[in-house]
Amino acid sequence: ILPGMAGFVTGEGDLPGDNDRRGVTVPIGAVFT
């Protein structure tokens, strides 16, 4: 890799508070207490 070369990069990151969004999303009626 030399200076000036172009490339494509992808990555994942977390925003603050995103830990509550990790998992499987289901309809609200599928969960009960």
Full PDB file with SEQRES, HELIX, SHEET, SSBOND, CRYST1, ORIGX, SCALE, CONECT and MASTER records, all heavy atoms in Angstrom:
SEQRES   1 A   33  ILE LEU PRO GLY MET ALA GLY PHE VAL THR GLY GLU GLY          
SEQRES   2 A   33  ASP LEU PRO GLY ASP ASN ASP ARG ARG GLY VAL THR VAL          
SEQRES   3 A   33  PRO ILE GLY ALA VAL PHE THR                                  
HELIX    1 AA1 ASP A   18  ARG A   21  5                                   4    
HELIX    2 AA2 ILE A   28  ALA A   30  5                                   3    
CRYST1    1.000    1.000    1.000  90.00  90.00  90.00 P 1           1          
ORIGX1      1.000000  0.000000  0.000000        0.00000                         
ORIGX2      0.000000  1.000000  0.000000        0.00000                         
ORIGX3      0.000000  0.000000  1.000000        0.00000                         
SCALE1      1.000000  0.000000  0.000000        0.00000                         
SCALE2      0.000000  1.000000  0.000000        0.00000                         
SCALE3      0.000000  0.000000  1.000000        0.00000                         
ATOM      1  N   ILE A   1       0.865  -1.175   0.000  1.00  0.00           N  
ATOM      2  CA  ILE A   1       0.000   0.000   0.000  1.00  0.00           C  
ATOM      3  C   ILE A   1       0.903   1.227   0.000  1.00  0.00           C  
ATOM      4  O   ILE A   1       1.739   1.396   0.889  1.00  0.00           O  
ATOM      5  CB  ILE A   1      -0.931   0.008   1.220  1.00  0.00           C  
ATOM      6  CG1 ILE A   1      -1.815  -1.240   1.209  1.00  0.00           C  
ATOM      7  CG2 ILE A   1      -1.778   1.280   1.239  1.00  0.00           C  
ATOM      8  CD1 ILE A   1      -2.675  -1.406   2.431  1.00  0.00           C  
ATOM      9  N   LEU A   2       0.697   2.079  -1.015  1.00  0.00           N  
ATOM     10  CA  LEU A   2       1.520   3.275  -1.165  1.00  0.00           C  
ATOM     11  C   LEU A   2       0.684   4.524  -0.946  1.00  0.00           C  
ATOM     12  O   LEU A   2      -0.536   4.514  -1.148  1.00  0.00           O  
ATOM     13  CB  LEU A   2       2.151   3.304  -2.559  1.00  0.00           C  
ATOM     14  CG  LEU A   2       3.049   2.112  -2.910  1.00  0.00           C  
ATOM     15  CD1 LEU A   2       3.478   2.176  -4.368  1.00  0.00           C  
ATOM     16  CD2 LEU A   2       4.257   2.064  -1.989  1.00  0.00           C  
ATOM     17  N   PRO A   3       1.297   5.633  -0.534  1.00  0.00           N  
ATOM     18  CA  PRO A   3       0.568   6.887  -0.372  1.00  0.00           C  
ATOM     19  C   PRO A   3      -0.148   7.260  -1.672  1.00  0.00           C  
ATOM     20  O   PRO A   3       0.391   7.098  -2.769  1.00  0.00           O  
ATOM     21  CB  PRO A   3       1.667   7.904  -0.037  1.00  0.00           C  
ATOM     22  CG  PRO A   3       2.783   7.090   0.522  1.00  0.00           C  
ATOM     23  CD  PRO A   3       2.716   5.777  -0.191  1.00  0.00           C  
ATOM     24  N   GLY A   4      -1.385   7.732  -1.549  1.00  0.00           N  
ATOM     25  CA  GLY A   4      -2.173   8.155  -2.700  1.00  0.00           C  
ATOM     26  C   GLY A   4      -3.051   7.072  -3.285  1.00  0.00           C  
ATOM     27  O   GLY A   4      -3.891   7.356  -4.132  1.00  0.00           O  
ATOM     28  N   MET A   5      -2.872   5.833  -2.882  1.00  0.00           N  
ATOM     29  CA  MET A   5      -3.723   4.755  -3.387  1.00  0.00           C  
ATOM     30  C   MET A   5      -5.120   4.890  -2.783  1.00  0.00           C  
ATOM     31  O   MET A   5      -5.270   5.304  -1.643  1.00  0.00           O  
ATOM     32  CB  MET A   5      -3.154   3.384  -3.023  1.00  0.00           C  
ATOM     33  CG  MET A   5      -1.917   2.998  -3.764  1.00  0.00           C  
ATOM     34  SD  MET A   5      -1.405   1.337  -3.232  1.00  0.00           S  
ATOM     35  CE  MET A   5      -0.696   0.728  -4.723  1.00  0.00           C  
ATOM     36  N   ALA A   6      -6.110   4.558  -3.588  1.00  0.00           N  
ATOM     37  CA  ALA A   6      -7.495   4.599  -3.122  1.00  0.00           C  
ATOM     38  C   ALA A   6      -7.901   3.208  -2.650  1.00  0.00           C  
ATOM     39  O   ALA A   6      -7.352   2.201  -3.093  1.00  0.00           O  
ATOM     40  CB  ALA A   6      -8.414   5.065  -4.238  1.00  0.00           C  
ATOM     41  N   GLY A   7      -8.858   3.178  -1.755  1.00  0.00           N  
ATOM     42  CA  GLY A   7      -9.343   1.902  -1.256  1.00  0.00           C  
ATOM     43  C   GLY A   7     -10.760   2.034  -0.749  1.00  0.00           C  
ATOM     44  O   GLY A   7     -11.335   3.125  -0.713  1.00  0.00           O  
ATOM     45  N   PHE A   8     -11.333   0.929  -0.371  1.00  0.00           N  
ATOM     46  CA  PHE A   8     -12.686   0.886   0.174  1.00  0.00           C  
ATOM     47  C   PHE A   8     -12.636   0.128   1.486  1.00  0.00           C  
ATOM     48  O   PHE A   8     -12.096  -0.977   1.546  1.00  0.00           O  
ATOM     49  CB  PHE A   8     -13.624   0.183  -0.814  1.00  0.00           C  
ATOM     50  CG  PHE A   8     -15.048   0.138  -0.353  1.00  0.00           C  
ATOM     51  CD1 PHE A   8     -15.863   1.248  -0.426  1.00  0.00           C  
ATOM     52  CD2 PHE A   8     -15.570  -1.030   0.168  1.00  0.00           C  
ATOM     53  CE1 PHE A   8     -17.177   1.190   0.004  1.00  0.00           C  
ATOM     54  CE2 PHE A   8     -16.879  -1.089   0.601  1.00  0.00           C  
ATOM     55  CZ  PHE A   8     -17.683   0.034   0.520  1.00  0.00           C  
ATOM     56  N   VAL A   9     -13.181   0.724   2.522  1.00  0.00           N  
ATOM     57  CA  VAL A   9     -13.154   0.130   3.851  1.00  0.00           C  
ATOM     58  C   VAL A   9     -14.559   0.144   4.429  1.00  0.00           C  
ATOM     59  O   VAL A   9     -15.307   1.105   4.260  1.00  0.00           O  
ATOM     60  CB  VAL A   9     -12.201   0.913   4.784  1.00  0.00           C  
ATOM     61  CG1 VAL A   9     -12.226   0.343   6.182  1.00  0.00           C  
ATOM     62  CG2 VAL A   9     -10.793   0.924   4.228  1.00  0.00           C  
ATOM     63  N   THR A  10     -14.938  -0.939   5.099  1.00  0.00           N  
ATOM     64  CA  THR A  10     -16.192  -0.966   5.844  1.00  0.00           C  
ATOM     65  C   THR A  10     -15.888  -1.334   7.277  1.00  0.00           C  
ATOM     66  O   THR A  10     -14.844  -1.915   7.570  1.00  0.00           O  
ATOM     67  CB  THR A  10     -17.184  -2.000   5.263  1.00  0.00           C  
ATOM     68  OG1 THR A  10     -16.612  -3.295   5.346  1.00  0.00           O  
ATOM     69  CG2 THR A  10     -17.535  -1.687   3.817  1.00  0.00           C  
ATOM     70  N   GLY A  11     -16.800  -0.992   8.149  1.00  0.00           N  
ATOM     71  CA  GLY A  11     -16.621  -1.318   9.559  1.00  0.00           C  
ATOM     72  C   GLY A  11     -17.929  -1.190  10.295  1.00  0.00           C  
ATOM     73  O   GLY A  11     -18.932  -0.728   9.747  1.00  0.00           O  
ATOM     74  N   GLU A  12     -17.910  -1.625  11.524  1.00  0.00           N  
ATOM     75  CA  GLU A  12     -19.074  -1.512  12.389  1.00  0.00           C  
ATOM     76  C   GLU A  12     -18.688  -0.759  13.629  1.00  0.00           C  
ATOM     77  O   GLU A  12     -17.566  -0.896  14.121  1.00  0.00           O  
ATOM     78  CB  GLU A  12     -19.588  -2.897  12.793  1.00  0.00           C  
ATOM     79  CG  GLU A  12     -20.258  -3.639  11.679  1.00  0.00           C  
ATOM     80  CD  GLU A  12     -20.888  -4.940  12.159  1.00  0.00           C  
ATOM     81  OE1 GLU A  12     -21.202  -5.047  13.362  1.00  0.00           O  
ATOM     82  OE2 GLU A  12     -21.061  -5.831  11.324  1.00  0.00           O  
ATOM     83  N   GLY A  13     -19.614   0.022  14.111  1.00  0.00           N  
ATOM     84  CA  GLY A  13     -19.380   0.757  15.332  1.00  0.00           C  
ATOM     85  C   GLY A  13     -20.652   0.820  16.147  1.00  0.00           C  
ATOM     86  O   GLY A  13     -21.743   0.534  15.653  1.00  0.00           O  
ATOM     87  N   ASP A  14     -20.507   1.153  17.388  1.00  0.00           N  
ATOM     88  CA  ASP A  14     -21.657   1.284  18.278  1.00  0.00           C  
ATOM     89  C   ASP A  14     -21.837   2.731  18.660  1.00  0.00           C  
ATOM     90  O   ASP A  14     -20.863   3.436  18.944  1.00  0.00           O  
ATOM     91  CB  ASP A  14     -21.447   0.471  19.561  1.00  0.00           C  
ATOM     92  CG  ASP A  14     -21.438  -1.017  19.298  1.00  0.00           C  
ATOM     93  OD1 ASP A  14     -22.119  -1.448  18.351  1.00  0.00           O  
ATOM     94  OD2 ASP A  14     -20.762  -1.741  20.046  1.00  0.00           O  
ATOM     95  N   LEU A  15     -23.058   3.159  18.649  1.00  0.00           N  
ATOM     96  CA  LEU A  15     -23.384   4.470  19.176  1.00  0.00           C  
ATOM     97  C   LEU A  15     -23.711   4.318  20.648  1.00  0.00           C  
ATOM     98  O   LEU A  15     -24.127   3.240  21.090  1.00  0.00           O  
ATOM     99  CB  LEU A  15     -24.589   5.056  18.433  1.00  0.00           C  
ATOM    100  CG  LEU A  15     -24.374   5.348  16.954  1.00  0.00           C  
ATOM    101  CD1 LEU A  15     -25.687   5.756  16.308  1.00  0.00           C  
ATOM    102  CD2 LEU A  15     -23.329   6.432  16.777  1.00  0.00           C  
ATOM    103  N   PRO A  16     -23.541   5.347  21.447  1.00  0.00           N  
ATOM    104  CA  PRO A  16     -23.912   5.235  22.860  1.00  0.00           C  
ATOM    105  C   PRO A  16     -25.370   4.802  22.992  1.00  0.00           C  
ATOM    106  O   PRO A  16     -26.255   5.323  22.319  1.00  0.00           O  
ATOM    107  CB  PRO A  16     -23.705   6.648  23.395  1.00  0.00           C  
ATOM    108  CG  PRO A  16     -22.732   7.272  22.455  1.00  0.00           C  
ATOM    109  CD  PRO A  16     -23.003   6.647  21.114  1.00  0.00           C  
ATOM    110  N   GLY A  17     -25.609   3.816  23.823  1.00  0.00           N  
ATOM    111  CA  GLY A  17     -26.970   3.331  24.051  1.00  0.00           C  
ATOM    112  C   GLY A  17     -27.414   2.249  23.089  1.00  0.00           C  
ATOM    113  O   GLY A  17     -28.511   1.727  23.203  1.00  0.00           O  
ATOM    114  N   ASP A  18     -26.595   1.878  22.095  1.00  0.00           N  
ATOM    115  CA  ASP A  18     -26.992   0.862  21.124  1.00  0.00           C  
ATOM    116  C   ASP A  18     -27.003  -0.542  21.690  1.00  0.00           C  
ATOM    117  O   ASP A  18     -27.509  -1.455  21.064  1.00  0.00           O  
ATOM    118  CB  ASP A  18     -26.083   0.899  19.896  1.00  0.00           C  
ATOM    119  CG  ASP A  18     -26.615   1.816  18.810  1.00  0.00           C  
ATOM    120  OD1 ASP A  18     -27.698   2.399  19.015  1.00  0.00           O  
ATOM    121  OD2 ASP A  18     -25.963   1.942  17.768  1.00  0.00           O  
ATOM    122  N   ASN A  19     -26.435  -0.770  22.868  1.00  0.00           N  
ATOM    123  CA  ASN A  19     -26.446  -2.112  23.445  1.00  0.00           C  
ATOM    124  C   ASN A  19     -27.854  -2.616  23.659  1.00  0.00           C  
ATOM    125  O   ASN A  19     -28.097  -3.823  23.635  1.00  0.00           O  
ATOM    126  CB  ASN A  19     -25.668  -2.141  24.759  1.00  0.00           C  
ATOM    127  CG  ASN A  19     -24.177  -2.048  24.534  1.00  0.00           C  
ATOM    128  OD1 ASN A  19     -23.700  -2.339  23.445  1.00  0.00           O  
ATOM    129  ND2 ASN A  19     -23.448  -1.631  25.535  1.00  0.00           N  
ATOM    130  N   ASP A  20     -28.830  -1.725  23.877  1.00  0.00           N  
ATOM    131  CA  ASP A  20     -30.223  -2.139  24.050  1.00  0.00           C  
ATOM    132  C   ASP A  20     -30.852  -2.605  22.745  1.00  0.00           C  
ATOM    133  O   ASP A  20     -31.938  -3.129  22.735  1.00  0.00           O  
ATOM    134  CB  ASP A  20     -31.059  -0.987  24.612  1.00  0.00           C  
ATOM    135  CG  ASP A  20     -30.841  -0.794  26.095  1.00  0.00           C  
ATOM    136  OD1 ASP A  20     -30.231  -1.676  26.729  1.00  0.00           O  
ATOM    137  OD2 ASP A  20     -31.278   0.237  26.621  1.00  0.00           O  
ATOM    138  N   ARG A  21     -30.187  -2.392  21.622  1.00  0.00           N  
ATOM    139  CA  ARG A  21     -30.750  -2.726  20.313  1.00  0.00           C  
ATOM    140  C   ARG A  21     -30.151  -3.999  19.717  1.00  0.00           C  
ATOM    141  O   ARG A  21     -30.477  -4.366  18.603  1.00  0.00           O  
ATOM    142  CB  ARG A  21     -30.558  -1.557  19.349  1.00  0.00           C  
ATOM    143  CG  ARG A  21     -31.322  -0.339  19.793  1.00  0.00           C  
ATOM    144  CD  ARG A  21     -31.038   0.834  18.873  1.00  0.00           C  
ATOM    145  NE  ARG A  21     -31.699   2.028  19.358  1.00  0.00           N  
ATOM    146  CZ  ARG A  21     -32.845   2.483  18.916  1.00  0.00           C  
ATOM    147  NH1 ARG A  21     -33.487   1.843  17.968  1.00  0.00           N  
ATOM    148  NH2 ARG A  21     -33.370   3.578  19.399  1.00  0.00           N  
ATOM    149  N   ARG A  22     -29.257  -4.664  20.432  1.00  0.00           N  
ATOM    150  CA  ARG A  22     -28.649  -5.891  19.916  1.00  0.00           C  
ATOM    151  C   ARG A  22     -29.493  -7.091  20.286  1.00  0.00           C  
ATOM    152  O   ARG A  22     -29.825  -7.291  21.441  1.00  0.00           O  
ATOM    153  CB  ARG A  22     -27.253  -6.069  20.490  1.00  0.00           C  
ATOM    154  CG  ARG A  22     -26.283  -5.091  19.924  1.00  0.00           C  
ATOM    155  CD  ARG A  22     -24.903  -5.449  20.322  1.00  0.00           C  
ATOM    156  NE  ARG A  22     -23.982  -4.512  19.713  1.00  0.00           N  
ATOM    157  CZ  ARG A  22     -22.735  -4.397  20.051  1.00  0.00           C  
ATOM    158  NH1 ARG A  22     -22.244  -5.158  20.996  1.00  0.00           N  
ATOM    159  NH2 ARG A  22     -21.960  -3.540  19.448  1.00  0.00           N  
ATOM    160  N   GLY A  23     -29.813  -7.892  19.305  1.00  0.00           N  
ATOM    161  CA  GLY A  23     -30.602  -9.084  19.551  1.00  0.00           C  
ATOM    162  C   GLY A  23     -31.550  -9.334  18.403  1.00  0.00           C  
ATOM    163  O   GLY A  23     -31.318  -8.916  17.279  1.00  0.00           O  
ATOM    164  N   VAL A  24     -32.639 -10.006  18.696  1.00  0.00           N  
ATOM    165  CA  VAL A  24     -33.651 -10.355  17.710  1.00  0.00           C  
ATOM    166  C   VAL A  24     -34.869  -9.477  17.965  1.00  0.00           C  
ATOM    167  O   VAL A  24     -35.378  -9.431  19.086  1.00  0.00           O  
ATOM    168  CB  VAL A  24     -34.037 -11.853  17.838  1.00  0.00           C  
ATOM    169  CG1 VAL A  24     -35.099 -12.213  16.829  1.00  0.00           C  
ATOM    170  CG2 VAL A  24     -32.807 -12.732  17.675  1.00  0.00           C  
ATOM    171  N   THR A  25     -35.347  -8.772  16.943  1.00  0.00           N  
ATOM    172  CA  THR A  25     -36.542  -7.941  17.086  1.00  0.00           C  
ATOM    173  C   THR A  25     -37.769  -8.771  16.749  1.00  0.00           C  
ATOM    174  O   THR A  25     -37.827  -9.398  15.695  1.00  0.00           O  
ATOM    175  CB  THR A  25     -36.459  -6.705  16.177  1.00  0.00           C  
ATOM    176  OG1 THR A  25     -35.274  -5.979  16.494  1.00  0.00           O  
ATOM    177  CG2 THR A  25     -37.662  -5.806  16.375  1.00  0.00           C  
ATOM    178  N   VAL A  26     -38.727  -8.780  17.670  1.00  0.00           N  
ATOM    179  CA  VAL A  26     -39.972  -9.527  17.484  1.00  0.00           C  
ATOM    180  C   VAL A  26     -41.144  -8.588  17.738  1.00  0.00           C  
ATOM    181  O   VAL A  26     -40.987  -7.545  18.376  1.00  0.00           O  
ATOM    182  CB  VAL A  26     -40.046 -10.744  18.449  1.00  0.00           C  
ATOM    183  CG1 VAL A  26     -38.928 -11.732  18.160  1.00  0.00           C  
ATOM    184  CG2 VAL A  26     -40.020 -10.310  19.892  1.00  0.00           C  
ATOM    185  N   PRO A  27     -42.345  -8.947  17.265  1.00  0.00           N  
ATOM    186  CA  PRO A  27     -43.513  -8.126  17.593  1.00  0.00           C  
ATOM    187  C   PRO A  27     -43.707  -8.046  19.105  1.00  0.00           C  
ATOM    188  O   PRO A  27     -43.413  -9.012  19.828  1.00  0.00           O  
ATOM    189  CB  PRO A  27     -44.678  -8.879  16.931  1.00  0.00           C  
ATOM    190  CG  PRO A  27     -44.042  -9.719  15.875  1.00  0.00           C  
ATOM    191  CD  PRO A  27     -42.685 -10.067  16.394  1.00  0.00           C  
ATOM    192  N   ILE A  28     -44.188  -6.920  19.597  1.00  0.00           N  
ATOM    193  CA  ILE A  28     -44.353  -6.713  21.035  1.00  0.00           C  
ATOM    194  C   ILE A  28     -45.260  -7.785  21.646  1.00  0.00           C  
ATOM    195  O   ILE A  28     -45.052  -8.201  22.784  1.00  0.00           O  
ATOM    196  CB  ILE A  28     -44.865  -5.289  21.344  1.00  0.00           C  
ATOM    197  CG1 ILE A  28     -44.857  -5.003  22.836  1.00  0.00           C  
ATOM    198  CG2 ILE A  28     -46.239  -5.069  20.773  1.00  0.00           C  
ATOM    199  CD1 ILE A  28     -43.494  -4.849  23.427  1.00  0.00           C  
ATOM    200  N   GLY A  29     -46.213  -8.290  20.883  1.00  0.00           N  
ATOM    201  CA  GLY A  29     -47.121  -9.315  21.390  1.00  0.00           C  
ATOM    202  C   GLY A  29     -46.473 -10.671  21.575  1.00  0.00           C  
ATOM    203  O   GLY A  29     -47.075 -11.582  22.145  1.00  0.00           O  
ATOM    204  N   ALA A  30     -45.233 -10.842  21.112  1.00  0.00           N  
ATOM    205  CA  ALA A  30     -44.545 -12.125  21.261  1.00  0.00           C  
ATOM    206  C   ALA A  30     -43.888 -12.275  22.627  1.00  0.00           C  
ATOM    207  O   ALA A  30     -43.445 -13.357  22.987  1.00  0.00           O  
ATOM    208  CB  ALA A  30     -43.489 -12.274  20.167  1.00  0.00           C  
ATOM    209  N   VAL A  31     -43.820 -11.188  23.401  1.00  0.00           N  
ATOM    210  CA  VAL A  31     -43.163 -11.209  24.718  1.00  0.00           C  
ATOM    211  C   VAL A  31     -44.200 -10.859  25.781  1.00  0.00           C  
ATOM    212  O   VAL A  31     -45.018  -9.962  25.586  1.00  0.00           O  
ATOM    213  CB  VAL A  31     -41.986 -10.211  24.757  1.00  0.00           C  
ATOM    214  CG1 VAL A  31     -41.355 -10.159  26.130  1.00  0.00           C  
ATOM    215  CG2 VAL A  31     -40.945 -10.577  23.712  1.00  0.00           C  
ATOM    216  N   PHE A  32     -44.163 -11.581  26.888  1.00  0.00           N  
ATOM    217  CA  PHE A  32     -45.116 -11.309  27.965  1.00  0.00           C  
ATOM    218  C   PHE A  32     -44.452 -11.512  29.320  1.00  0.00           C  
ATOM    219  O   PHE A  32     -43.453 -12.207  29.442  1.00  0.00           O  
ATOM    220  CB  PHE A  32     -46.357 -12.206  27.846  1.00  0.00           C  
ATOM    221  CG  PHE A  32     -46.063 -13.666  28.073  1.00  0.00           C  
ATOM    222  CD1 PHE A  32     -46.299 -14.237  29.317  1.00  0.00           C  
ATOM    223  CD2 PHE A  32     -45.553 -14.458  27.058  1.00  0.00           C  
ATOM    224  CE1 PHE A  32     -46.022 -15.582  29.541  1.00  0.00           C  
ATOM    225  CE2 PHE A  32     -45.276 -15.798  27.267  1.00  0.00           C  
ATOM    226  CZ  PHE A  32     -45.514 -16.364  28.508  1.00  0.00           C  
ATOM    227  N   THR A  33     -45.009 -10.881  30.333  1.00  0.00           N  
ATOM    228  CA  THR A  33     -44.573 -11.043  31.717  1.00  0.00           C  
ATOM    229  C   THR A  33     -45.805 -11.416  32.538  1.00  0.00           C  
ATOM    230  O   THR A  33     -46.743 -10.620  32.634  1.00  0.00           O  
ATOM    231  CB  THR A  33     -43.950  -9.743  32.264  1.00  0.00           C  
ATOM    232  OG1 THR A  33     -42.879  -9.348  31.409  1.00  0.00           O  
ATOM    233  CG2 THR A  33     -43.438  -9.930  33.680  1.00  0.00           C  
TER     234      THR A  33                                                      
MASTER        0    0    0    2    0    0    0    6  233    1    0    3          
END                                                                             
